[in-house]
PDB file of N, CA and C in Angstrom:
ATOM      1  N   MET A   1     -12.405   4.479  20.279  1.00  0.00           N
ATOM      2  CA  MET A   1     -11.692   3.848  19.205  1.00  0.00           C
ATOM      3  C   MET A   1     -10.212   3.925  19.430  1.00  0.00           C
ATOM      4  N   PHE A   2      -9.504   2.796  19.262  1.00  0.00           N
ATOM      5  CA  PHE A   2      -8.024   2.791  19.396  1.00  0.00           C
ATOM      6  C   PHE A   2      -7.441   1.852  18.339  1.00  0.00           C
ATOM      7  N   ALA A   3      -6.196   2.009  18.147  1.00  0.00           N
ATOM      8  CA  ALA A   3      -5.488   1.067  17.249  1.00  0.00           C
ATOM      9  C   ALA A   3      -4.130   0.845  17.833  1.00  0.00           C
ATOM     10  N   ILE A   4      -3.607  -0.346  17.393  1.00  0.00           N
ATOM     11  CA  ILE A   4      -2.259  -0.719  17.790  1.00  0.00           C
ATOM     12  C   ILE A   4      -1.443  -0.738  16.539  1.00  0.00           C
ATOM     13  N   ILE A   5      -0.360   0.098  16.452  1.00  0.00           N
ATOM     14  CA  ILE A   5       0.475   0.174  15.310  1.00  0.00           C
ATOM     15  C   ILE A   5       1.917  -0.231  15.656  1.00  0.00           C
ATOM     16  N   GLU A   6       2.653  -0.486  14.605  1.00  0.00           N
ATOM     17  CA  GLU A   6       4.079  -0.838  14.755  1.00  0.00           C
ATOM     18  C   GLU A   6       4.894   0.057  13.893  1.00  0.00           C
ATOM     19  N   THR A   7       5.902   0.602  14.593  1.00  0.00           N
ATOM     20  CA  THR A   7       6.857   1.486  13.893  1.00  0.00           C
ATOM     21  C   THR A   7       8.192   1.529  14.670  1.00  0.00           C
ATOM     22  N   GLY A   8       9.317   1.405  14.051  1.00  0.00           N
ATOM     23  CA  GLY A   8      10.590   1.437  14.550  1.00  0.00           C
ATOM     24  C   GLY A   8      10.860   0.215  15.409  1.00  0.00           C
ATOM     25  N   GLY A   9      10.225  -0.931  15.134  1.00  0.00           N
ATOM     26  CA  GLY A   9      10.404  -2.153  15.901  1.00  0.00           C
ATOM     27  C   GLY A   9       9.661  -2.201  17.277  1.00  0.00           C
ATOM     28  N   LYS A  10       8.759  -1.200  17.386  1.00  0.00           N
ATOM     29  CA  LYS A  10       8.002  -1.094  18.676  1.00  0.00           C
ATOM     30  C   LYS A  10       6.536  -1.037  18.345  1.00  0.00           C
ATOM     31  N   GLN A  11       5.654  -1.423  19.346  1.00  0.00           N
ATOM     32  CA  GLN A  11       4.254  -1.276  19.158  1.00  0.00           C
ATOM     33  C   GLN A  11       3.606  -0.242  20.027  1.00  0.00           C
ATOM     34  N   TYR A  12       2.623   0.504  19.504  1.00  0.00           N
ATOM     35  CA  TYR A  12       2.123   1.611  20.233  1.00  0.00           C
ATOM     36  C   TYR A  12       0.575   1.482  20.142  1.00  0.00           C
ATOM     37  N   LYS A  13      -0.041   1.671  21.348  1.00  0.00           N
ATOM     38  CA  LYS A  13      -1.571   1.725  21.401  1.00  0.00           C
ATOM     39  C   LYS A  13      -1.919   3.242  21.327  1.00  0.00           C
ATOM     40  N   VAL A  14      -2.672   3.673  20.270  1.00  0.00           N
ATOM     41  CA  VAL A  14      -2.971   5.034  20.039  1.00  0.00           C
ATOM     42  C   VAL A  14      -4.448   5.275  19.916  1.00  0.00           C
ATOM     43  N   ASN A  15      -4.859   6.432  20.314  1.00  0.00           N
ATOM     44  CA  ASN A  15      -6.246   6.957  20.152  1.00  0.00           C
ATOM     45  C   ASN A  15      -6.125   8.210  19.275  1.00  0.00           C
ATOM     46  N   GLU A  16      -7.201   8.685  18.756  1.00  0.00           N
ATOM     47  CA  GLU A  16      -7.214   9.910  18.066  1.00  0.00           C
ATOM     48  C   GLU A  16      -6.856  11.071  19.063  1.00  0.00           C
ATOM     49  N   GLY A  17      -5.942  11.955  18.677  1.00  0.00           N
ATOM     50  CA  GLY A  17      -5.617  13.106  19.534  1.00  0.00           C
ATOM     51  C   GLY A  17      -4.376  12.747  20.438  1.00  0.00           C
ATOM     52  N   ASP A  18      -3.896  11.586  20.459  1.00  0.00           N
ATOM     53  CA  ASP A  18      -2.792  11.214  21.259  1.00  0.00           C
ATOM     54  C   ASP A  18      -1.510  11.795  20.716  1.00  0.00           C
ATOM     55  N   VAL A  19      -0.604  12.078  21.600  1.00  0.00           N
ATOM     56  CA  VAL A  19       0.829  12.515  21.180  1.00  0.00           C
ATOM     57  C   VAL A  19       1.740  11.396  21.626  1.00  0.00           C
ATOM     58  N   ILE A  20       2.500  10.848  20.627  1.00  0.00           N
ATOM     59  CA  ILE A  20       3.478   9.769  20.973  1.00  0.00           C
ATOM     60  C   ILE A  20       4.872  10.142  20.535  1.00  0.00           C
ATOM     61  N   PHE A  21       5.786   9.498  21.146  1.00  0.00           N
ATOM     62  CA  PHE A  21       7.169   9.659  20.812  1.00  0.00           C
ATOM     63  C   PHE A  21       7.643   8.297  20.194  1.00  0.00           C
ATOM     64  N   VAL A  22       7.991   8.395  18.829  1.00  0.00           N
ATOM     65  CA  VAL A  22       8.407   7.138  18.166  1.00  0.00           C
ATOM     66  C   VAL A  22       9.885   7.301  17.772  1.00  0.00           C
ATOM     67  N   GLU A  23      10.482   6.238  17.270  1.00  0.00           N
ATOM     68  CA  GLU A  23      11.864   6.307  16.740  1.00  0.00           C
ATOM     69  C   GLU A  23      11.836   7.282  15.642  1.00  0.00           C
ATOM     70  N   LYS A  24      13.061   7.885  15.435  1.00  0.00           N
ATOM     71  CA  LYS A  24      13.135   8.986  14.412  1.00  0.00           C
ATOM     72  C   LYS A  24      12.649   8.489  12.983  1.00  0.00           C
ATOM     73  N   LEU A  25      11.789   9.445  12.440  1.00  0.00           N
ATOM     74  CA  LEU A  25      11.229   9.208  11.042  1.00  0.00           C
ATOM     75  C   LEU A  25      11.834  10.312  10.130  1.00  0.00           C
ATOM     76  N   ASP A  26      11.990   9.894   8.896  1.00  0.00           N
ATOM     77  CA  ASP A  26      12.597  10.902   7.991  1.00  0.00           C
ATOM     78  C   ASP A  26      11.555  11.731   7.416  1.00  0.00           C
ATOM     79  N   VAL A  27      10.973  12.675   8.208  1.00  0.00           N
ATOM     80  CA  VAL A  27      10.022  13.640   7.799  1.00  0.00           C
ATOM     81  C   VAL A  27      10.397  14.987   8.411  1.00  0.00           C
ATOM     82  N   ASN A  28       9.790  16.082   7.831  1.00  0.00           N
ATOM     83  CA  ASN A  28       9.947  17.343   8.429  1.00  0.00           C
ATOM     84  C   ASN A  28       8.819  17.736   9.400  1.00  0.00           C
ATOM     85  N   GLU A  29       9.070  18.737  10.347  1.00  0.00           N
ATOM     86  CA  GLU A  29       8.060  19.173  11.258  1.00  0.00           C
ATOM     87  C   GLU A  29       6.894  19.685  10.513  1.00  0.00           C
ATOM     88  N   GLY A  30       5.684  19.184  10.873  1.00  0.00           N
ATOM     89  CA  GLY A  30       4.449  19.714  10.221  1.00  0.00           C
ATOM     90  C   GLY A  30       4.043  18.835   9.089  1.00  0.00           C
ATOM     91  N   ASP A  31       4.813  17.844   8.635  1.00  0.00           N
ATOM     92  CA  ASP A  31       4.490  16.913   7.655  1.00  0.00           C
ATOM     93  C   ASP A  31       3.485  15.874   8.102  1.00  0.00           C
ATOM     94  N   GLU A  32       2.701  15.261   7.249  1.00  0.00           N
ATOM     95  CA  GLU A  32       1.811  14.227   7.539  1.00  0.00           C
ATOM     96  C   GLU A  32       2.469  12.932   7.582  1.00  0.00           C
ATOM     97  N   VAL A  33       2.146  12.121   8.517  1.00  0.00           N
ATOM     98  CA  VAL A  33       2.806  10.819   8.657  1.00  0.00           C
ATOM     99  C   VAL A  33       1.725   9.705   8.758  1.00  0.00           C
ATOM    100  N   SER A  34       1.935   8.603   7.893  1.00  0.00           N
ATOM    101  CA  SER A  34       0.916   7.645   7.952  1.00  0.00           C
ATOM    102  C   SER A  34       1.556   6.313   8.396  1.00  0.00           C
ATOM    103  N   PHE A  35       0.830   5.525   9.085  1.00  0.00           N
ATOM    104  CA  PHE A  35       1.294   4.251   9.583  1.00  0.00           C
ATOM    105  C   PHE A  35       0.395   3.218   9.044  1.00  0.00           C
ATOM    106  N   ASP A  36       0.873   2.311   8.163  1.00  0.00           N
ATOM    107  CA  ASP A  36       0.069   1.308   7.503  1.00  0.00           C
ATOM    108  C   ASP A  36       0.300  -0.042   8.196  1.00  0.00           C
ATOM    109  N   ARG A  37       1.194  -0.161   9.089  1.00  0.00           N
ATOM    110  CA  ARG A  37       1.402  -1.402   9.781  1.00  0.00           C
ATOM    111  C   ARG A  37       0.596  -1.395  11.083  1.00  0.00           C
ATOM    112  N   VAL A  38      -0.761  -1.651  10.849  1.00  0.00           N
ATOM    113  CA  VAL A  38      -1.701  -1.680  11.930  1.00  0.00           C
ATOM    114  C   VAL A  38      -2.029  -3.106  12.318  1.00  0.00           C
ATOM    115  N   LEU A  39      -1.811  -3.377  13.599  1.00  0.00           N
ATOM    116  CA  LEU A  39      -1.990  -4.782  14.077  1.00  0.00           C
ATOM    117  C   LEU A  39      -3.405  -5.011  14.627  1.00  0.00           C
ATOM    118  N   CYS A  40      -4.035  -3.942  15.133  1.00  0.00           N
ATOM    119  CA  CYS A  40      -5.298  -4.145  15.775  1.00  0.00           C
ATOM    120  C   CYS A  40      -6.101  -2.846  15.696  1.00  0.00           C
ATOM    121  N   VAL A  41      -7.429  -2.884  15.480  1.00  0.00           N
ATOM    122  CA  VAL A  41      -8.286  -1.697  15.514  1.00  0.00           C
ATOM    123  C   VAL A  41      -9.558  -2.100  16.321  1.00  0.00           C
ATOM    124  N   SER A  42      -9.900  -1.235  17.274  1.00  0.00           N
ATOM    125  CA  SER A  42     -11.139  -1.478  18.190  1.00  0.00           C
ATOM    126  C   SER A  42     -12.023  -0.276  17.848  1.00  0.00           C
ATOM    127  N   THR A  43     -13.227  -0.568  17.384  1.00  0.00           N
ATOM    128  CA  THR A  43     -14.269   0.447  17.165  1.00  0.00           C
ATOM    129  C   THR A  43     -15.475   0.056  18.003  1.00  0.00           C
ATOM    130  N   GLY A  44     -15.376   0.603  19.337  1.00  0.00           N
ATOM    131  CA  GLY A  44     -16.543   0.383  20.250  1.00  0.00           C
ATOM    132  C   GLY A  44     -16.592  -1.137  20.615  1.00  0.00           C
ATOM    133  N   ASP A  45     -17.534  -1.869  20.084  1.00  0.00           N
ATOM    134  CA  ASP A  45     -17.696  -3.240  20.450  1.00  0.00           C
ATOM    135  C   ASP A  45     -16.836  -4.221  19.599  1.00  0.00           C
ATOM    136  N   ALA A  46     -16.655  -3.826  18.386  1.00  0.00           N
ATOM    137  CA  ALA A  46     -15.889  -4.761  17.364  1.00  0.00           C
ATOM    138  C   ALA A  46     -14.372  -4.548  17.481  1.00  0.00           C
ATOM    139  N   VAL A  47     -13.720  -5.661  17.579  1.00  0.00           N
ATOM    140  CA  VAL A  47     -12.284  -5.616  17.536  1.00  0.00           C
ATOM    141  C   VAL A  47     -11.804  -6.379  16.349  1.00  0.00           C
ATOM    142  N   THR A  48     -10.961  -5.759  15.529  1.00  0.00           N
ATOM    143  CA  THR A  48     -10.399  -6.363  14.320  1.00  0.00           C
ATOM    144  C   THR A  48      -8.895  -6.579  14.399  1.00  0.00           C
ATOM    145  N   THR A  49      -8.387  -7.812  14.307  1.00  0.00           N
ATOM    146  CA  THR A  49      -6.913  -8.039  14.369  1.00  0.00           C
ATOM    147  C   THR A  49      -6.421  -8.509  13.011  1.00  0.00           C
ATOM    148  N   GLY A  50      -5.231  -8.293  12.709  1.00  0.00           N
ATOM    149  CA  GLY A  50      -4.683  -8.624  11.480  1.00  0.00           C
ATOM    150  C   GLY A  50      -3.882  -9.905  11.587  1.00  0.00           C
ATOM    151  N   ALA A  51      -3.355 -10.403  10.446  1.00  0.00           N
ATOM    152  CA  ALA A  51      -2.535 -11.575  10.450  1.00  0.00           C
ATOM    153  C   ALA A  51      -1.319 -11.348   9.493  1.00  0.00           C
ATOM    154  N   PRO A  52      -0.320 -10.601   9.803  1.00  0.00           N
ATOM    155  CA  PRO A  52      -0.169  -9.850  11.053  1.00  0.00           C
ATOM    156  C   PRO A  52      -0.664  -8.460  11.049  1.00  0.00           C
ATOM    157  N   PHE A  53      -0.954  -7.907   9.860  1.00  0.00           N
ATOM    158  CA  PHE A  53      -1.435  -6.602   9.676  1.00  0.00           C
ATOM    159  C   PHE A  53      -2.855  -6.560   8.974  1.00  0.00           C
ATOM    160  N   ILE A  54      -3.672  -5.514   9.244  1.00  0.00           N
ATOM    161  CA  ILE A  54      -4.973  -5.350   8.690  1.00  0.00           C
ATOM    162  C   ILE A  54      -4.764  -4.607   7.369  1.00  0.00           C
ATOM    163  N   ASP A  55      -5.306  -5.244   6.331  1.00  0.00           N
ATOM    164  CA  ASP A  55      -5.320  -4.653   5.000  1.00  0.00           C
ATOM    165  C   ASP A  55      -6.178  -3.457   4.856  1.00  0.00           C
ATOM    166  N   GLY A  56      -5.590  -2.376   4.324  1.00  0.00           N
ATOM    167  CA  GLY A  56      -6.350  -1.172   4.218  1.00  0.00           C
ATOM    168  C   GLY A  56      -6.449  -0.201   5.399  1.00  0.00           C
ATOM    169  N   ALA A  57      -5.997  -0.695   6.529  1.00  0.00           N
ATOM    170  CA  ALA A  57      -6.038   0.101   7.776  1.00  0.00           C
ATOM    171  C   ALA A  57      -4.891   1.086   7.809  1.00  0.00           C
ATOM    172  N   VAL A  58      -5.169   2.370   8.077  1.00  0.00           N
ATOM    173  CA  VAL A  58      -4.173   3.355   8.045  1.00  0.00           C
ATOM    174  C   VAL A  58      -4.432   4.350   9.320  1.00  0.00           C
ATOM    175  N   VAL A  59      -3.354   4.671  10.015  1.00  0.00           N
ATOM    176  CA  VAL A  59      -3.370   5.634  11.083  1.00  0.00           C
ATOM    177  C   VAL A  59      -2.572   6.807  10.588  1.00  0.00           C
ATOM    178  N   THR A  60      -3.178   8.038  10.527  1.00  0.00           N
ATOM    179  CA  THR A  60      -2.480   9.168  10.133  1.00  0.00           C
ATOM    180  C   THR A  60      -2.249  10.202  11.252  1.00  0.00           C
ATOM    181  N   GLY A  61      -1.174  10.924  11.211  1.00  0.00           N
ATOM    182  CA  GLY A  61      -0.738  11.791  12.179  1.00  0.00           C
ATOM    183  C   GLY A  61       0.026  13.015  11.578  1.00  0.00           C
ATOM    184  N   LYS A  62       0.405  13.840  12.531  1.00  0.00           N
ATOM    185  CA  LYS A  62       1.200  14.989  12.079  1.00  0.00           C
ATOM    186  C   LYS A  62       2.473  15.041  12.817  1.00  0.00           C
ATOM    187  N   ALA A  63       3.670  15.166  12.259  1.00  0.00           N
ATOM    188  CA  ALA A  63       4.933  15.253  12.911  1.00  0.00           C
ATOM    189  C   ALA A  63       5.010  16.650  13.582  1.00  0.00           C
ATOM    190  N   VAL A  64       5.006  16.671  14.873  1.00  0.00           N
ATOM    191  CA  VAL A  64       5.092  17.862  15.626  1.00  0.00           C
ATOM    192  C   VAL A  64       6.499  18.418  15.734  1.00  0.00           C
ATOM    193  N   ARG A  65       7.450  17.539  16.129  1.00  0.00           N
ATOM    194  CA  ARG A  65       8.836  17.952  16.223  1.00  0.00           C
ATOM    195  C   ARG A  65       9.710  16.750  16.148  1.00  0.00           C
ATOM    196  N   GLN A  66      11.065  17.143  15.791  1.00  0.00           N
ATOM    197  CA  GLN A  66      12.139  16.170  15.819  1.00  0.00           C
ATOM    198  C   GLN A  66      13.060  16.566  16.994  1.00  0.00           C
ATOM    199  N   GLY A  67      13.478  15.540  17.778  1.00  0.00           N
ATOM    200  CA  GLY A  67      14.328  15.970  18.896  1.00  0.00           C
ATOM    201  C   GLY A  67      15.135  14.753  19.372  1.00  0.00           C
ATOM    202  N   LYS A  68      15.778  14.974  20.539  1.00  0.00           N
ATOM    203  CA  LYS A  68      16.582  13.970  21.123  1.00  0.00           C
ATOM    204  C   LYS A  68      16.152  13.857  22.689  1.00  0.00           C
ATOM    205  N   SER A  69      16.182  12.578  23.087  1.00  0.00           N
ATOM    206  CA  SER A  69      15.800  12.431  24.474  1.00  0.00           C
ATOM    207  C   SER A  69      16.937  12.795  25.405  1.00  0.00           C
ATOM    208  N   LYS A  70      16.749  12.653  26.660  1.00  0.00           N
ATOM    209  CA  LYS A  70      17.730  12.992  27.691  1.00  0.00           C
ATOM    210  C   LYS A  70      18.980  11.974  27.535  1.00  0.00           C
ATOM    211  N   LYS A  71      20.105  12.496  27.873  1.00  0.00           N
ATOM    212  CA  LYS A  71      21.309  11.720  27.760  1.00  0.00           C
ATOM    213  C   LYS A  71      21.451  10.635  28.845  1.00  0.00           C
ATOM    214  N   ILE A  72      21.801   9.501  28.340  1.00  0.00           N
ATOM    215  CA  ILE A  72      22.159   8.345  29.276  1.00  0.00           C
ATOM    216  C   ILE A  72      23.535   8.122  29.267  1.00  0.00           C
ATOM    217  N   TYR A  73      24.151   7.623  30.346  1.00  0.00           N
ATOM    218  CA  TYR A  73      25.522   7.389  30.436  1.00  0.00           C
ATOM    219  C   TYR A  73      25.791   5.893  30.569  1.00  0.00           C
ATOM    220  N   VAL A  74      26.863   5.405  29.919  1.00  0.00           N
ATOM    221  CA  VAL A  74      27.196   3.935  29.940  1.00  0.00           C
ATOM    222  C   VAL A  74      28.708   3.897  30.361  1.00  0.00           C
ATOM    223  N   MET A  75      29.037   3.033  31.285  1.00  0.00           N
ATOM    224  CA  MET A  75      30.413   2.902  31.657  1.00  0.00           C
ATOM    225  C   MET A  75      30.923   1.549  31.184  1.00  0.00           C
ATOM    226  N   THR A  76      32.062   1.552  30.623  1.00  0.00           N
ATOM    227  CA  THR A  76      32.769   0.281  30.390  1.00  0.00           C
ATOM    228  C   THR A  76      34.011   0.206  31.213  1.00  0.00           C
ATOM    229  N   TYR A  77      34.249  -0.949  31.795  1.00  0.00           N
ATOM    230  CA  TYR A  77      35.415  -1.155  32.647  1.00  0.00           C
ATOM    231  C   TYR A  77      36.054  -2.488  32.522  1.00  0.00           C
ATOM    232  N   LYS A  78      37.295  -2.474  32.391  1.00  0.00           N
ATOM    233  CA  LYS A  78      38.052  -3.746  32.277  1.00  0.00           C
ATOM    234  C   LYS A  78      39.037  -3.882  33.514  1.00  0.00           C
ATOM    235  N   PRO A  79      38.759  -4.843  34.398  1.00  0.00           N
ATOM    236  CA  PRO A  79      39.548  -4.843  35.582  1.00  0.00           C
ATOM    237  C   PRO A  79      40.921  -5.376  35.203  1.00  0.00           C
ATOM    238  N   LYS A  80      41.932  -4.932  36.095  1.00  0.00           N
ATOM    239  CA  LYS A  80      43.328  -5.268  36.013  1.00  0.00           C
ATOM    240  C   LYS A  80      43.978  -4.665  34.786  1.00  0.00           C
ATOM    241  N   LYS A  81      43.325  -3.822  33.916  1.00  0.00           N
ATOM    242  CA  LYS A  81      43.868  -3.248  32.739  1.00  0.00           C
ATOM    243  C   LYS A  81      43.914  -1.672  32.780  1.00  0.00           C
ATOM    244  N   ASN A  82      43.306  -1.157  33.905  1.00  0.00           N
ATOM    245  CA  ASN A  82      43.224   0.340  34.160  1.00  0.00           C
ATOM    246  C   ASN A  82      42.519   0.954  32.919  1.00  0.00           C
ATOM    247  N   GLU A  83      41.492   0.232  32.525  1.00  0.00           N
ATOM    248  CA  GLU A  83      40.758   0.785  31.283  1.00  0.00           C
ATOM    249  C   GLU A  83      39.289   1.123  31.679  1.00  0.00           C
ATOM    250  N   LYS A  84      38.996   2.326  31.592  1.00  0.00           N
ATOM    251  CA  LYS A  84      37.587   2.871  31.953  1.00  0.00           C
ATOM    252  C   LYS A  84      37.179   3.779  30.822  1.00  0.00           C
ATOM    253  N   LYS A  85      35.919   3.733  30.409  1.00  0.00           N
ATOM    254  CA  LYS A  85      35.354   4.599  29.430  1.00  0.00           C
ATOM    255  C   LYS A  85      33.923   5.075  29.748  1.00  0.00           C
ATOM    256  N   LYS A  86      33.683   6.360  29.732  1.00  0.00           N
ATOM    257  CA  LYS A  86      32.351   6.743  29.948  1.00  0.00           C
ATOM    258  C   LYS A  86      31.744   7.206  28.602  1.00  0.00           C
ATOM    259  N   ILE A  87      30.585   6.719  28.186  1.00  0.00           N
ATOM    260  CA  ILE A  87      29.983   7.012  26.911  1.00  0.00           C
ATOM    261  C   ILE A  87      28.541   7.585  27.212  1.00  0.00           C
ATOM    262  N   GLY A  88      28.180   8.660  26.440  1.00  0.00           N
ATOM    263  CA  GLY A  88      26.903   9.218  26.565  1.00  0.00           C
ATOM    264  C   GLY A  88      26.096   8.967  25.230  1.00  0.00           C
ATOM    265  N   HIS A  89      24.812   8.881  25.311  1.00  0.00           N
ATOM    266  CA  HIS A  89      23.971   8.620  24.197  1.00  0.00           C
ATOM    267  C   HIS A  89      22.647   9.303  24.306  1.00  0.00           C
ATOM    268  N   ARG A  90      22.280  10.092  23.242  1.00  0.00           N
ATOM    269  CA  ARG A  90      20.924  10.647  23.138  1.00  0.00           C
ATOM    270  C   ARG A  90      20.229  10.122  21.952  1.00  0.00           C
ATOM    271  N   GLN A  91      19.119   9.378  22.266  1.00  0.00           N
ATOM    272  CA  GLN A  91      18.268   8.743  21.251  1.00  0.00           C
ATOM    273  C   GLN A  91      17.416   9.751  20.475  1.00  0.00           C
ATOM    274  N   PRO A  92      17.526   9.818  19.230  1.00  0.00           N
ATOM    275  CA  PRO A  92      16.615  10.738  18.447  1.00  0.00           C
ATOM    276  C   PRO A  92      15.227  10.240  18.372  1.00  0.00           C
ATOM    277  N   TYR A  93      14.154  11.071  18.387  1.00  0.00           N
ATOM    278  CA  TYR A  93      12.865  10.709  18.326  1.00  0.00           C
ATOM    279  C   TYR A  93      12.051  11.683  17.365  1.00  0.00           C
ATOM    280  N   THR A  94      10.833  11.271  16.982  1.00  0.00           N
ATOM    281  CA  THR A  94       9.902  12.186  16.319  1.00  0.00           C
ATOM    282  C   THR A  94       8.626  12.195  17.218  1.00  0.00           C
ATOM    283  N   LYS A  95       8.118  13.363  17.481  1.00  0.00           N
ATOM    284  CA  LYS A  95       6.918  13.523  18.313  1.00  0.00           C
ATOM    285  C   LYS A  95       5.771  13.617  17.230  1.00  0.00           C
ATOM    286  N   VAL A  96       4.857  12.695  17.377  1.00  0.00           N
ATOM    287  CA  VAL A  96       3.716  12.624  16.387  1.00  0.00           C
ATOM    288  C   VAL A  96       2.381  12.687  17.165  1.00  0.00           C
ATOM    289  N   GLN A  97       1.490  13.608  16.548  1.00  0.00           N
ATOM    290  CA  GLN A  97       0.124  13.706  16.990  1.00  0.00           C
ATOM    291  C   GLN A  97      -0.814  12.931  16.166  1.00  0.00           C
ATOM    292  N   ILE A  98      -1.513  11.971  16.738  1.00  0.00           N
ATOM    293  CA  ILE A  98      -2.366  11.111  15.935  1.00  0.00           C
ATOM    294  C   ILE A  98      -3.727  11.886  15.680  1.00  0.00           C
ATOM    295  N   GLU A  99      -4.039  11.926  14.365  1.00  0.00           N
ATOM    296  CA  GLU A  99      -5.186  12.670  13.860  1.00  0.00           C
ATOM    297  C   GLU A  99      -6.388  11.809  13.465  1.00  0.00           C
ATOM    298  N   LYS A 100      -6.129  10.660  12.722  1.00  0.00           N
ATOM    299  CA  LYS A 100      -7.211   9.849  12.240  1.00  0.00           C
ATOM    300  C   LYS A 100      -6.893   8.341  12.292  1.00  0.00           C
ATOM    301  N   ILE A 101      -7.879   7.564  12.558  1.00  0.00           N
ATOM    302  CA  ILE A 101      -7.685   6.108  12.461  1.00  0.00           C
ATOM    303  C   ILE A 101      -8.719   5.643  11.510  1.00  0.00           C
ATOM    304  N   ALA A 102      -8.248   5.029  10.349  1.00  0.00           N
ATOM    305  CA  ALA A 102      -9.157   4.440   9.376  1.00  0.00           C
ATOM    306  C   ALA A 102      -9.020   2.968   9.448  1.00  0.00           C
ATOM    307  N   ALA A 103     -10.170   2.335   9.730  1.00  0.00           N
ATOM    308  CA  ALA A 103     -10.150   0.882  10.088  1.00  0.00           C
ATOM    309  C   ALA A 103      -9.936  -0.104   8.915  1.00  0.00           C
ATOM    310  N   GLY A 104     -10.037   0.468   7.700  1.00  0.00           N
ATOM    311  CA  GLY A 104      -9.874  -0.425   6.428  1.00  0.00           C
ATOM    312  C   GLY A 104     -11.075  -1.218   6.174  1.00  0.00           C
ATOM    313  N   LYS A 105     -10.933  -2.459   5.566  1.00  0.00           N
ATOM    314  CA  LYS A 105     -12.031  -3.263   5.125  1.00  0.00           C
ATOM    315  C   LYS A 105     -12.920  -3.745   6.246  1.00  0.00           C
TER     316      LYS A 105
END
């Protein structure tokens, strides 16, 4: 059984027990997280798709930790102006463990 959910402008294919890294959610570590924007649910032979979402389908999980990913560096450069800038960025994330997939109606 798997589901495809949407969160943070991205889509994730999840199974029960999976650990995924999603865009930062406003929850504390150990809190329950529910995703109601479910695009597709597969239960063995049957596949249910939404238009665009499935009514009543919910994927629940537990927020394991909040963190930041590795730093990436971006350079900006303007020729003939002697202008250079090095910028670093660390994207925040929430690590979520998927516990239950409820297929809905």
